[in-house]
Amino acid sequence: APFKVSGNGTRTLLDSRGQKVELLGIAGHIIYEVKHDAKWVENDTKLAWVSTCDEPSWADECLRKFRASPRAKQEPLVPLKQLADAEHIYEARSKQVHFKRLQQDTGI
């Protein structure tokens, strides 16, 4: 596996050369809130991971290792991968392929 968790996994992973891979800003807090806060849950808000990339297995590993962080410290950290309702991460010619398949899979 090319990535190691640095700290608690809410901000930084390290690749096999020790280079940082960082989750931007408060992204982990926002993602956690979308899946747990009543204002989003009541509206049945959906979250999907969609990416065109050369190394889909690396993206999958990062989603398993990065943790979404609740604002209340007593709540447990959750792997980002567990928070998505759908996932379309693979090599493709364009993002349009992803969005068409996402629409077919989710009906959205």
PDB file of N, CA and C in Angstrom:
ATOM      1  N   ALA A   1       0.843  -1.189   0.000  1.00  0.00           N
ATOM      2  CA  ALA A   1       0.000   0.000   0.000  1.00  0.00           C
ATOM      3  C   ALA A   1       0.883   1.246   0.000  1.00  0.00           C
ATOM      4  N   PRO A   2       0.643   2.162  -0.929  1.00  0.00           N
ATOM      5  CA  PRO A   2       1.530   3.324  -1.014  1.00  0.00           C
ATOM      6  C   PRO A   2       1.271   4.434  -0.002  1.00  0.00           C
ATOM      7  N   PHE A   3       0.213   4.368   0.800  1.00  0.00           N
ATOM      8  CA  PHE A   3      -0.109   5.475   1.704  1.00  0.00           C
ATOM      9  C   PHE A   3      -0.144   5.032   3.155  1.00  0.00           C
ATOM     10  N   LYS A   4       0.393   5.901   4.020  1.00  0.00           N
ATOM     11  CA  LYS A   4       0.351   5.675   5.465  1.00  0.00           C
ATOM     12  C   LYS A   4      -0.373   6.850   6.105  1.00  0.00           C
ATOM     13  N   VAL A   5      -1.126   6.554   7.149  1.00  0.00           N
ATOM     14  CA  VAL A   5      -1.828   7.597   7.892  1.00  0.00           C
ATOM     15  C   VAL A   5      -0.818   8.382   8.716  1.00  0.00           C
ATOM     16  N   SER A   6      -0.946   9.695   8.695  1.00  0.00           N
ATOM     17  CA  SER A   6      -0.144  10.573   9.536  1.00  0.00           C
ATOM     18  C   SER A   6      -1.089  11.180  10.564  1.00  0.00           C
ATOM     19  N   GLY A   7      -0.742  11.088  11.831  1.00  0.00           N
ATOM     20  CA  GLY A   7      -1.643  11.590  12.885  1.00  0.00           C
ATOM     21  C   GLY A   7      -2.875  10.723  12.970  1.00  0.00           C
ATOM     22  N   ASN A   8      -4.045  11.367  13.051  1.00  0.00           N
ATOM     23  CA  ASN A   8      -5.294  10.608  13.168  1.00  0.00           C
ATOM     24  C   ASN A   8      -5.999  10.398  11.831  1.00  0.00           C
ATOM     25  N   GLY A   9      -5.379  10.832  10.736  1.00  0.00           N
ATOM     26  CA  GLY A   9      -5.936  10.600   9.412  1.00  0.00           C
ATOM     27  C   GLY A   9      -6.949  11.624   8.955  1.00  0.00           C
ATOM     28  N   THR A  10      -7.156  12.675   9.744  1.00  0.00           N
ATOM     29  CA  THR A  10      -8.146  13.675   9.342  1.00  0.00           C
ATOM     30  C   THR A  10      -7.575  14.719   8.392  1.00  0.00           C
ATOM     31  N   ARG A  11      -6.259  14.819   8.304  1.00  0.00           N
ATOM     32  CA  ARG A  11      -5.655  15.861   7.471  1.00  0.00           C
ATOM     33  C   ARG A  11      -4.609  15.348   6.491  1.00  0.00           C
ATOM     34  N   THR A  12      -3.790  14.363   6.904  1.00  0.00           N
ATOM     35  CA  THR A  12      -2.616  14.045   6.106  1.00  0.00           C
ATOM     36  C   THR A  12      -2.361  12.545   6.014  1.00  0.00           C
ATOM     37  N   LEU A  13      -2.022  12.109   4.792  1.00  0.00           N
ATOM     38  CA  LEU A  13      -1.462  10.789   4.541  1.00  0.00           C
ATOM     39  C   LEU A  13      -0.066  11.019   3.989  1.00  0.00           C
ATOM     40  N   LEU A  14       0.783  10.014   4.054  1.00  0.00           N
ATOM     41  CA  LEU A  14       2.117  10.085   3.471  1.00  0.00           C
ATOM     42  C   LEU A  14       2.229   9.014   2.399  1.00  0.00           C
ATOM     43  N   ASP A  15       2.774   9.391   1.227  1.00  0.00           N
ATOM     44  CA  ASP A  15       2.962   8.388   0.185  1.00  0.00           C
ATOM     45  C   ASP A  15       4.239   7.598   0.455  1.00  0.00           C
ATOM     46  N   SER A  16       4.572   6.680  -0.436  1.00  0.00           N
ATOM     47  CA  SER A  16       5.725   5.797  -0.213  1.00  0.00           C
ATOM     48  C   SER A  16       7.055   6.539  -0.172  1.00  0.00           C
ATOM     49  N   ARG A  17       7.092   7.777  -0.676  1.00  0.00           N
ATOM     50  CA  ARG A  17       8.318   8.589  -0.618  1.00  0.00           C
ATOM     51  C   ARG A  17       8.295   9.590   0.537  1.00  0.00           C
ATOM     52  N   GLY A  18       7.245   9.530   1.355  1.00  0.00           N
ATOM     53  CA  GLY A  18       7.146  10.448   2.484  1.00  0.00           C
ATOM     54  C   GLY A  18       6.517  11.786   2.136  1.00  0.00           C
ATOM     55  N   GLN A  19       6.022  11.941   0.901  1.00  0.00           N
ATOM     56  CA  GLN A  19       5.367  13.185   0.495  1.00  0.00           C
ATOM     57  C   GLN A  19       3.956  13.237   1.079  1.00  0.00           C
ATOM     58  N   LYS A  20       3.557  14.427   1.514  1.00  0.00           N
ATOM     59  CA  LYS A  20       2.229  14.592   2.103  1.00  0.00           C
ATOM     60  C   LYS A  20       1.137  14.587   1.034  1.00  0.00           C
ATOM     61  N   VAL A  21       0.042  13.925   1.360  1.00  0.00           N
ATOM     62  CA  VAL A  21      -1.204  13.991   0.601  1.00  0.00           C
ATOM     63  C   VAL A  21      -2.208  14.541   1.597  1.00  0.00           C
ATOM     64  N   GLU A  22      -2.745  15.729   1.318  1.00  0.00           N
ATOM     65  CA  GLU A  22      -3.556  16.403   2.324  1.00  0.00           C
ATOM     66  C   GLU A  22      -5.014  16.549   1.899  1.00  0.00           C
ATOM     67  N   LEU A  23      -5.885  16.369   2.879  1.00  0.00           N
ATOM     68  CA  LEU A  23      -7.297  16.654   2.711  1.00  0.00           C
ATOM     69  C   LEU A  23      -7.449  18.158   2.905  1.00  0.00           C
ATOM     70  N   LEU A  24      -8.088  18.811   1.989  1.00  0.00           N
ATOM     71  CA  LEU A  24      -8.147  20.269   1.999  1.00  0.00           C
ATOM     72  C   LEU A  24      -9.016  20.843   3.111  1.00  0.00           C
ATOM     73  N   GLY A  25      -8.488  21.839   3.770  1.00  0.00           N
ATOM     74  CA  GLY A  25      -9.221  22.657   4.732  1.00  0.00           C
ATOM     75  C   GLY A  25     -10.113  21.890   5.677  1.00  0.00           C
ATOM     76  N   ILE A  26     -11.382  22.282   5.689  1.00  0.00           N
ATOM     77  CA  ILE A  26     -12.347  21.651   6.589  1.00  0.00           C
ATOM     78  C   ILE A  26     -13.215  20.631   5.845  1.00  0.00           C
ATOM     79  N   ALA A  27     -12.703  20.084   4.760  1.00  0.00           N
ATOM     80  CA  ALA A  27     -13.467  19.121   3.960  1.00  0.00           C
ATOM     81  C   ALA A  27     -13.996  17.970   4.808  1.00  0.00           C
ATOM     82  N   GLY A  28     -13.182  17.440   5.702  1.00  0.00           N
ATOM     83  CA  GLY A  28     -13.623  16.330   6.547  1.00  0.00           C
ATOM     84  C   GLY A  28     -14.800  16.692   7.424  1.00  0.00           C
ATOM     85  N   HIS A  29     -14.807  17.902   7.968  1.00  0.00           N
ATOM     86  CA  HIS A  29     -15.929  18.368   8.793  1.00  0.00           C
ATOM     87  C   HIS A  29     -17.203  18.488   7.949  1.00  0.00           C
ATOM     88  N   ILE A  30     -17.054  19.057   6.756  1.00  0.00           N
ATOM     89  CA  ILE A  30     -18.212  19.271   5.875  1.00  0.00           C
ATOM     90  C   ILE A  30     -18.811  17.934   5.461  1.00  0.00           C
ATOM     91  N   ILE A  31     -17.969  16.999   5.063  1.00  0.00           N
ATOM     92  CA  ILE A  31     -18.451  15.683   4.636  1.00  0.00           C
ATOM     93  C   ILE A  31     -19.167  14.982   5.788  1.00  0.00           C
ATOM     94  N   TYR A  32     -18.600  15.048   6.969  1.00  0.00           N
ATOM     95  CA  TYR A  32     -19.225  14.436   8.147  1.00  0.00           C
ATOM     96  C   TYR A  32     -20.598  15.067   8.394  1.00  0.00           C
ATOM     97  N   GLU A  33     -20.660  16.393   8.328  1.00  0.00           N
ATOM     98  CA  GLU A  33     -21.918  17.097   8.582  1.00  0.00           C
ATOM     99  C   GLU A  33     -22.994  16.718   7.575  1.00  0.00           C
ATOM    100  N   VAL A  34     -22.633  16.605   6.311  1.00  0.00           N
ATOM    101  CA  VAL A  34     -23.608  16.249   5.276  1.00  0.00           C
ATOM    102  C   VAL A  34     -24.257  14.897   5.570  1.00  0.00           C
ATOM    103  N   LYS A  35     -23.517  13.984   6.157  1.00  0.00           N
ATOM    104  CA  LYS A  35     -24.044  12.648   6.425  1.00  0.00           C
ATOM    105  C   LYS A  35     -24.673  12.494   7.809  1.00  0.00           C
ATOM    106  N   HIS A  36     -24.449  13.450   8.718  1.00  0.00           N
ATOM    107  CA  HIS A  36     -24.937  13.286  10.091  1.00  0.00           C
ATOM    108  C   HIS A  36     -25.855  14.392  10.607  1.00  0.00           C
ATOM    109  N   ASP A  37     -25.747  15.604  10.098  1.00  0.00           N
ATOM    110  CA  ASP A  37     -26.556  16.709  10.606  1.00  0.00           C
ATOM    111  C   ASP A  37     -27.994  16.599  10.074  1.00  0.00           C
ATOM    112  N   ALA A  38     -28.953  16.831  10.968  1.00  0.00           N
ATOM    113  CA  ALA A  38     -30.371  16.664  10.637  1.00  0.00           C
ATOM    114  C   ALA A  38     -30.796  17.470   9.412  1.00  0.00           C
ATOM    115  N   LYS A  39     -30.276  18.682   9.240  1.00  0.00           N
ATOM    116  CA  LYS A  39     -30.720  19.510   8.106  1.00  0.00           C
ATOM    117  C   LYS A  39     -30.374  18.881   6.763  1.00  0.00           C
ATOM    118  N   TRP A  40     -29.337  18.075   6.715  1.00  0.00           N
ATOM    119  CA  TRP A  40     -28.963  17.383   5.483  1.00  0.00           C
ATOM    120  C   TRP A  40     -29.644  16.019   5.400  1.00  0.00           C
ATOM    121  N   VAL A  41     -29.685  15.313   6.514  1.00  0.00           N
ATOM    122  CA  VAL A  41     -30.279  13.972   6.543  1.00  0.00           C
ATOM    123  C   VAL A  41     -31.770  14.047   6.224  1.00  0.00           C
ATOM    124  N   GLU A  42     -32.471  15.018   6.799  1.00  0.00           N
ATOM    125  CA  GLU A  42     -33.913  15.165   6.554  1.00  0.00           C
ATOM    126  C   GLU A  42     -34.228  15.415   5.087  1.00  0.00           C
ATOM    127  N   ASN A  43     -33.319  16.036   4.377  1.00  0.00           N
ATOM    128  CA  ASN A  43     -33.516  16.313   2.951  1.00  0.00           C
ATOM    129  C   ASN A  43     -32.958  15.205   2.062  1.00  0.00           C
ATOM    130  N   ASP A  44     -32.522  14.104   2.689  1.00  0.00           N
ATOM    131  CA  ASP A  44     -32.004  12.935   1.978  1.00  0.00           C
ATOM    132  C   ASP A  44     -30.850  13.314   1.037  1.00  0.00           C
ATOM    133  N   THR A  45     -29.953  14.166   1.526  1.00  0.00           N
ATOM    134  CA  THR A  45     -28.799  14.601   0.751  1.00  0.00           C
ATOM    135  C   THR A  45     -27.887  13.420   0.476  1.00  0.00           C
ATOM    136  N   LYS A  46     -27.446  13.294  -0.755  1.00  0.00           N
ATOM    137  CA  LYS A  46     -26.579  12.196  -1.173  1.00  0.00           C
ATOM    138  C   LYS A  46     -25.156  12.705  -1.391  1.00  0.00           C
ATOM    139  N   LEU A  47     -24.204  11.818  -1.178  1.00  0.00           N
ATOM    140  CA  LEU A  47     -22.791  12.128  -1.363  1.00  0.00           C
ATOM    141  C   LEU A  47     -22.183  11.042  -2.240  1.00  0.00           C
ATOM    142  N   ALA A  48     -21.405  11.448  -3.236  1.00  0.00           N
ATOM    143  CA  ALA A  48     -20.773  10.471  -4.133  1.00  0.00           C
ATOM    144  C   ALA A  48     -19.317  10.841  -4.359  1.00  0.00           C
ATOM    145  N   TRP A  49     -18.495   9.815  -4.484  1.00  0.00           N
ATOM    146  CA  TRP A  49     -17.105   9.999  -4.885  1.00  0.00           C
ATOM    147  C   TRP A  49     -17.047   9.733  -6.375  1.00  0.00           C
ATOM    148  N   VAL A  50     -16.612  10.738  -7.143  1.00  0.00           N
ATOM    149  CA  VAL A  50     -16.538  10.614  -8.599  1.00  0.00           C
ATOM    150  C   VAL A  50     -15.200  11.170  -9.042  1.00  0.00           C
ATOM    151  N   SER A  51     -14.410  10.327  -9.734  1.00  0.00           N
ATOM    152  CA  SER A  51     -13.106  10.799 -10.189  1.00  0.00           C
ATOM    153  C   SER A  51     -12.618   9.972 -11.369  1.00  0.00           C
ATOM    154  N   THR A  52     -11.992  10.665 -12.302  1.00  0.00           N
ATOM    155  CA  THR A  52     -11.253  10.023 -13.380  1.00  0.00           C
ATOM    156  C   THR A  52      -9.791  10.110 -12.984  1.00  0.00           C
ATOM    157  N   CYS A  53      -9.137   8.955 -12.858  1.00  0.00           N
ATOM    158  CA  CYS A  53      -7.746   8.989 -12.439  1.00  0.00           C
ATOM    159  C   CYS A  53      -6.977   7.802 -13.006  1.00  0.00           C
ATOM    160  N   ASP A  54      -5.664   7.895 -12.960  1.00  0.00           N
ATOM    161  CA  ASP A  54      -4.796   6.835 -13.481  1.00  0.00           C
ATOM    162  C   ASP A  54      -4.643   5.674 -12.508  1.00  0.00           C
ATOM    163  N   GLU A  55      -4.837   5.935 -11.220  1.00  0.00           N
ATOM    164  CA  GLU A  55      -4.632   4.915 -10.181  1.00  0.00           C
ATOM    165  C   GLU A  55      -5.862   4.812  -9.276  1.00  0.00           C
ATOM    166  N   PRO A  56      -6.954   4.218  -9.761  1.00  0.00           N
ATOM    167  CA  PRO A  56      -8.161   4.114  -8.942  1.00  0.00           C
ATOM    168  C   PRO A  56      -7.930   3.413  -7.598  1.00  0.00           C
ATOM    169  N   SER A  57      -7.020   2.463  -7.557  1.00  0.00           N
ATOM    170  CA  SER A  57      -6.769   1.765  -6.288  1.00  0.00           C
ATOM    171  C   SER A  57      -6.148   2.709  -5.260  1.00  0.00           C
ATOM    172  N   TRP A  58      -5.373   3.682  -5.713  1.00  0.00           N
ATOM    173  CA  TRP A  58      -4.797   4.662  -4.791  1.00  0.00           C
ATOM    174  C   TRP A  58      -5.893   5.567  -4.235  1.00  0.00           C
ATOM    175  N   ALA A  59      -6.805   5.985  -5.104  1.00  0.00           N
ATOM    176  CA  ALA A  59      -7.926   6.812  -4.649  1.00  0.00           C
ATOM    177  C   ALA A  59      -8.746   6.045  -3.613  1.00  0.00           C
ATOM    178  N   ASP A  60      -8.983   4.769  -3.873  1.00  0.00           N
ATOM    179  CA  ASP A  60      -9.735   3.943  -2.932  1.00  0.00           C
ATOM    180  C   ASP A  60      -9.010   3.850  -1.594  1.00  0.00           C
ATOM    181  N   GLU A  61      -7.711   3.654  -1.651  1.00  0.00           N
ATOM    182  CA  GLU A  61      -6.931   3.568  -0.411  1.00  0.00           C
ATOM    183  C   GLU A  61      -7.006   4.871   0.383  1.00  0.00           C
ATOM    184  N   CYS A  62      -6.897   5.998  -0.306  1.00  0.00           N
ATOM    185  CA  CYS A  62      -6.987   7.289   0.384  1.00  0.00           C
ATOM    186  C   CYS A  62      -8.358   7.466   1.025  1.00  0.00           C
ATOM    187  N   LEU A  63      -9.419   7.068   0.336  1.00  0.00           N
ATOM    188  CA  LEU A  63     -10.763   7.190   0.903  1.00  0.00           C
ATOM    189  C   LEU A  63     -10.948   6.283   2.117  1.00  0.00           C
ATOM    190  N   ARG A  64     -10.265   5.157   2.149  1.00  0.00           N
ATOM    191  CA  ARG A  64     -10.338   4.261   3.309  1.00  0.00           C
ATOM    192  C   ARG A  64      -9.514   4.796   4.479  1.00  0.00           C
ATOM    193  N   LYS A  65      -8.418   5.508   4.176  1.00  0.00           N
ATOM    194  CA  LYS A  65      -7.511   5.957   5.238  1.00  0.00           C
ATOM    195  C   LYS A  65      -7.791   7.360   5.772  1.00  0.00           C
ATOM    196  N   PHE A  66      -8.273   8.272   4.905  1.00  0.00           N
ATOM    197  CA  PHE A  66      -8.660   9.596   5.400  1.00  0.00           C
ATOM    198  C   PHE A  66      -9.903   9.441   6.264  1.00  0.00           C
ATOM    199  N   ARG A  67      -9.977  10.230   7.321  1.00  0.00           N
ATOM    200  CA  ARG A  67     -11.101  10.180   8.253  1.00  0.00           C
ATOM    201  C   ARG A  67     -11.850  11.504   8.253  1.00  0.00           C
ATOM    202  N   ALA A  68     -13.181  11.403   8.237  1.00  0.00           N
ATOM    203  CA  ALA A  68     -14.018  12.589   8.404  1.00  0.00           C
ATOM    204  C   ALA A  68     -14.085  12.882   9.889  1.00  0.00           C
ATOM    205  N   SER A  69     -13.963  14.138  10.214  1.00  0.00           N
ATOM    206  CA  SER A  69     -13.899  14.514  11.624  1.00  0.00           C
ATOM    207  C   SER A  69     -15.114  15.334  12.030  1.00  0.00           C
ATOM    208  N   PRO A  70     -15.847  14.830  13.014  1.00  0.00           N
ATOM    209  CA  PRO A  70     -16.955  15.617  13.553  1.00  0.00           C
ATOM    210  C   PRO A  70     -16.416  16.807  14.326  1.00  0.00           C
ATOM    211  N   ARG A  71     -17.217  17.839  14.433  1.00  0.00           N
ATOM    212  CA  ARG A  71     -16.781  19.018  15.206  1.00  0.00           C
ATOM    213  C   ARG A  71     -16.754  18.708  16.697  1.00  0.00           C
ATOM    214  N   ALA A  72     -17.650  17.825  17.151  1.00  0.00           N
ATOM    215  CA  ALA A  72     -17.655  17.409  18.560  1.00  0.00           C
ATOM    216  C   ALA A  72     -16.610  16.306  18.720  1.00  0.00           C
ATOM    217  N   LYS A  73     -15.618  16.569  19.518  1.00  0.00           N
ATOM    218  CA  LYS A  73     -14.466  15.669  19.636  1.00  0.00           C
ATOM    219  C   LYS A  73     -14.809  14.277  20.180  1.00  0.00           C
ATOM    220  N   GLN A  74     -15.923  14.141  20.912  1.00  0.00           N
ATOM    221  CA  GLN A  74     -16.235  12.846  21.495  1.00  0.00           C
ATOM    222  C   GLN A  74     -16.817  11.863  20.470  1.00  0.00           C
ATOM    223  N   GLU A  75     -17.227  12.351  19.302  1.00  0.00           N
ATOM    224  CA  GLU A  75     -17.772  11.465  18.276  1.00  0.00           C
ATOM    225  C   GLU A  75     -16.619  10.781  17.538  1.00  0.00           C
ATOM    226  N   PRO A  76     -16.833   9.552  17.081  1.00  0.00           N
ATOM    227  CA  PRO A  76     -15.752   8.813  16.424  1.00  0.00           C
ATOM    228  C   PRO A  76     -15.441   9.351  15.028  1.00  0.00           C
ATOM    229  N   LEU A  77     -14.181   9.190  14.621  1.00  0.00           N
ATOM    230  CA  LEU A  77     -13.775   9.522  13.262  1.00  0.00           C
ATOM    231  C   LEU A  77     -14.302   8.426  12.333  1.00  0.00           C
ATOM    232  N   VAL A  78     -14.647   8.807  11.113  1.00  0.00           N
ATOM    233  CA  VAL A  78     -15.245   7.865  10.167  1.00  0.00           C
ATOM    234  C   VAL A  78     -14.454   7.898   8.865  1.00  0.00           C
ATOM    235  N   PRO A  79     -14.066   6.730   8.318  1.00  0.00           N
ATOM    236  CA  PRO A  79     -13.383   6.729   7.019  1.00  0.00           C
ATOM    237  C   PRO A  79     -14.263   7.384   5.947  1.00  0.00           C
ATOM    238  N   LEU A  80     -13.674   8.216   5.112  1.00  0.00           N
ATOM    239  CA  LEU A  80     -14.436   8.888   4.062  1.00  0.00           C
ATOM    240  C   LEU A  80     -15.190   7.891   3.192  1.00  0.00           C
ATOM    241  N   LYS A  81     -14.570   6.764   2.927  1.00  0.00           N
ATOM    242  CA  LYS A  81     -15.178   5.751   2.055  1.00  0.00           C
ATOM    243  C   LYS A  81     -16.564   5.336   2.557  1.00  0.00           C
ATOM    244  N   GLN A  82     -16.755   5.268   3.860  1.00  0.00           N
ATOM    245  CA  GLN A  82     -18.027   4.823   4.432  1.00  0.00           C
ATOM    246  C   GLN A  82     -19.146   5.857   4.290  1.00  0.00           C
ATOM    247  N   LEU A  83     -18.820   7.082   3.959  1.00  0.00           N
ATOM    248  CA  LEU A  83     -19.811   8.147   3.957  1.00  0.00           C
ATOM    249  C   LEU A  83     -20.497   8.371   2.615  1.00  0.00           C
ATOM    250  N   ALA A  84     -19.979   7.785   1.553  1.00  0.00           N
ATOM    251  CA  ALA A  84     -20.551   8.011   0.223  1.00  0.00           C
ATOM    252  C   ALA A  84     -21.722   7.078  -0.042  1.00  0.00           C
ATOM    253  N   ASP A  85     -22.704   7.597  -0.745  1.00  0.00           N
ATOM    254  CA  ASP A  85     -23.846   6.791  -1.176  1.00  0.00           C
ATOM    255  C   ASP A  85     -23.551   6.095  -2.498  1.00  0.00           C
ATOM    256  N   ALA A  86     -22.597   6.626  -3.240  1.00  0.00           N
ATOM    257  CA  ALA A  86     -22.198   6.031  -4.513  1.00  0.00           C
ATOM    258  C   ALA A  86     -20.729   6.354  -4.759  1.00  0.00           C
ATOM    259  N   GLU A  87     -20.103   5.518  -5.575  1.00  0.00           N
ATOM    260  CA  GLU A  87     -18.681   5.731  -5.871  1.00  0.00           C
ATOM    261  C   GLU A  87     -18.399   5.339  -7.324  1.00  0.00           C
ATOM    262  N   HIS A  88     -17.805   6.267  -8.043  1.00  0.00           N
ATOM    263  CA  HIS A  88     -17.408   6.027  -9.428  1.00  0.00           C
ATOM    264  C   HIS A  88     -16.000   6.584  -9.606  1.00  0.00           C
ATOM    265  N   ILE A  89     -15.020   5.753  -9.314  1.00  0.00           N
ATOM    266  CA  ILE A  89     -13.623   6.152  -9.436  1.00  0.00           C
ATOM    267  C   ILE A  89     -12.935   5.121 -10.325  1.00  0.00           C
ATOM    268  N   TYR A  90     -12.551   5.549 -11.518  1.00  0.00           N
ATOM    269  CA  TYR A  90     -11.907   4.654 -12.464  1.00  0.00           C
ATOM    270  C   TYR A  90     -11.338   5.472 -13.609  1.00  0.00           C
ATOM    271  N   GLU A  91     -10.581   4.798 -14.457  1.00  0.00           N
ATOM    272  CA  GLU A  91     -10.055   5.458 -15.643  1.00  0.00           C
ATOM    273  C   GLU A  91     -11.201   5.614 -16.638  1.00  0.00           C
ATOM    274  N   ALA A  92     -11.329   6.782 -17.208  1.00  0.00           N
ATOM    275  CA  ALA A  92     -12.365   7.046 -18.202  1.00  0.00           C
ATOM    276  C   ALA A  92     -11.886   8.188 -19.089  1.00  0.00           C
ATOM    277  N   ARG A  93     -12.475   8.272 -20.254  1.00  0.00           N
ATOM    278  CA  ARG A  93     -12.073   9.334 -21.181  1.00  0.00           C
ATOM    279  C   ARG A  93     -12.521  10.710 -20.709  1.00  0.00           C
ATOM    280  N   SER A  94     -13.652  10.742 -20.009  1.00  0.00           N
ATOM    281  CA  SER A  94     -14.149  12.047 -19.555  1.00  0.00           C
ATOM    282  C   SER A  94     -15.026  11.881 -18.317  1.00  0.00           C
ATOM    283  N   LYS A  95     -15.211  12.984 -17.607  1.00  0.00           N
ATOM    284  CA  LYS A  95     -16.095  12.980 -16.434  1.00  0.00           C
ATOM    285  C   LYS A  95     -17.536  12.708 -16.842  1.00  0.00           C
ATOM    286  N   GLN A  96     -17.887  13.028 -18.073  1.00  0.00           N
ATOM    287  CA  GLN A  96     -19.257  12.776 -18.535  1.00  0.00           C
ATOM    288  C   GLN A  96     -19.621  11.301 -18.399  1.00  0.00           C
ATOM    289  N   VAL A  97     -18.656  10.411 -18.613  1.00  0.00           N
ATOM    290  CA  VAL A  97     -18.881   8.973 -18.438  1.00  0.00           C
ATOM    291  C   VAL A  97     -19.278   8.701 -16.997  1.00  0.00           C
ATOM    292  N   HIS A  98     -18.548   9.288 -16.053  1.00  0.00           N
ATOM    293  CA  HIS A  98     -18.849   9.102 -14.635  1.00  0.00           C
ATOM    294  C   HIS A  98     -20.253   9.601 -14.298  1.00  0.00           C
ATOM    295  N   PHE A  99     -20.556  10.798 -14.730  1.00  0.00           N
ATOM    296  CA  PHE A  99     -21.838  11.390 -14.364  1.00  0.00           C
ATOM    297  C   PHE A  99     -23.007  10.632 -14.990  1.00  0.00           C
ATOM    298  N   LYS A 100     -22.852  10.131 -16.199  1.00  0.00           N
ATOM    299  CA  LYS A 100     -23.905   9.340 -16.832  1.00  0.00           C
ATOM    300  C   LYS A 100     -24.129   8.049 -16.052  1.00  0.00           C
ATOM    301  N   ARG A 101     -23.052   7.371 -15.660  1.00  0.00           N
ATOM    302  CA  ARG A 101     -23.187   6.132 -14.883  1.00  0.00           C
ATOM    303  C   ARG A 101     -23.735   6.405 -13.484  1.00  0.00           C
ATOM    304  N   LEU A 102     -23.312   7.507 -12.894  1.00  0.00           N
ATOM    305  CA  LEU A 102     -23.811   7.887 -11.571  1.00  0.00           C
ATOM    306  C   LEU A 102     -25.324   8.121 -11.652  1.00  0.00           C
ATOM    307  N   GLN A 103     -25.769   8.800 -12.682  1.00  0.00           N
ATOM    308  CA  GLN A 103     -27.193   9.061 -12.857  1.00  0.00           C
ATOM    309  C   GLN A 103     -27.949   7.746 -13.056  1.00  0.00           C
ATOM    310  N   GLN A 104     -27.384   6.829 -13.818  1.00  0.00           N
ATOM    311  CA  GLN A 104     -28.032   5.530 -14.031  1.00  0.00           C
ATOM    312  C   GLN A 104     -28.134   4.750 -12.712  1.00  0.00           C
ATOM    313  N   ASP A 105     -27.071   4.775 -11.927  1.00  0.00           N
ATOM    314  CA  ASP A 105     -27.035   4.010 -10.683  1.00  0.00           C
ATOM    315  C   ASP A 105     -27.924   4.588  -9.575  1.00  0.00           C
ATOM    316  N   THR A 106     -28.020   5.917  -9.530  1.00  0.00           N
ATOM    317  CA  THR A 106     -28.731   6.552  -8.425  1.00  0.00           C
ATOM    318  C   THR A 106     -30.112   7.105  -8.791  1.00  0.00           C
ATOM    319  N   GLY A 107     -30.349   7.304 -10.066  1.00  0.00           N
ATOM    320  CA  GLY A 107     -31.611   7.905 -10.473  1.00  0.00           C
ATOM    321  C   GLY A 107     -31.665   9.406 -10.258  1.00  0.00           C
ATOM    322  N   ILE A 108     -30.537   9.985  -9.888  1.00  0.00           N
ATOM    323  CA  ILE A 108     -30.483  11.433  -9.650  1.00  0.00           C
ATOM    324  C   ILE A 108     -30.050  12.142 -10.912  1.00  0.00           C
TER     325      ILE A 108
END
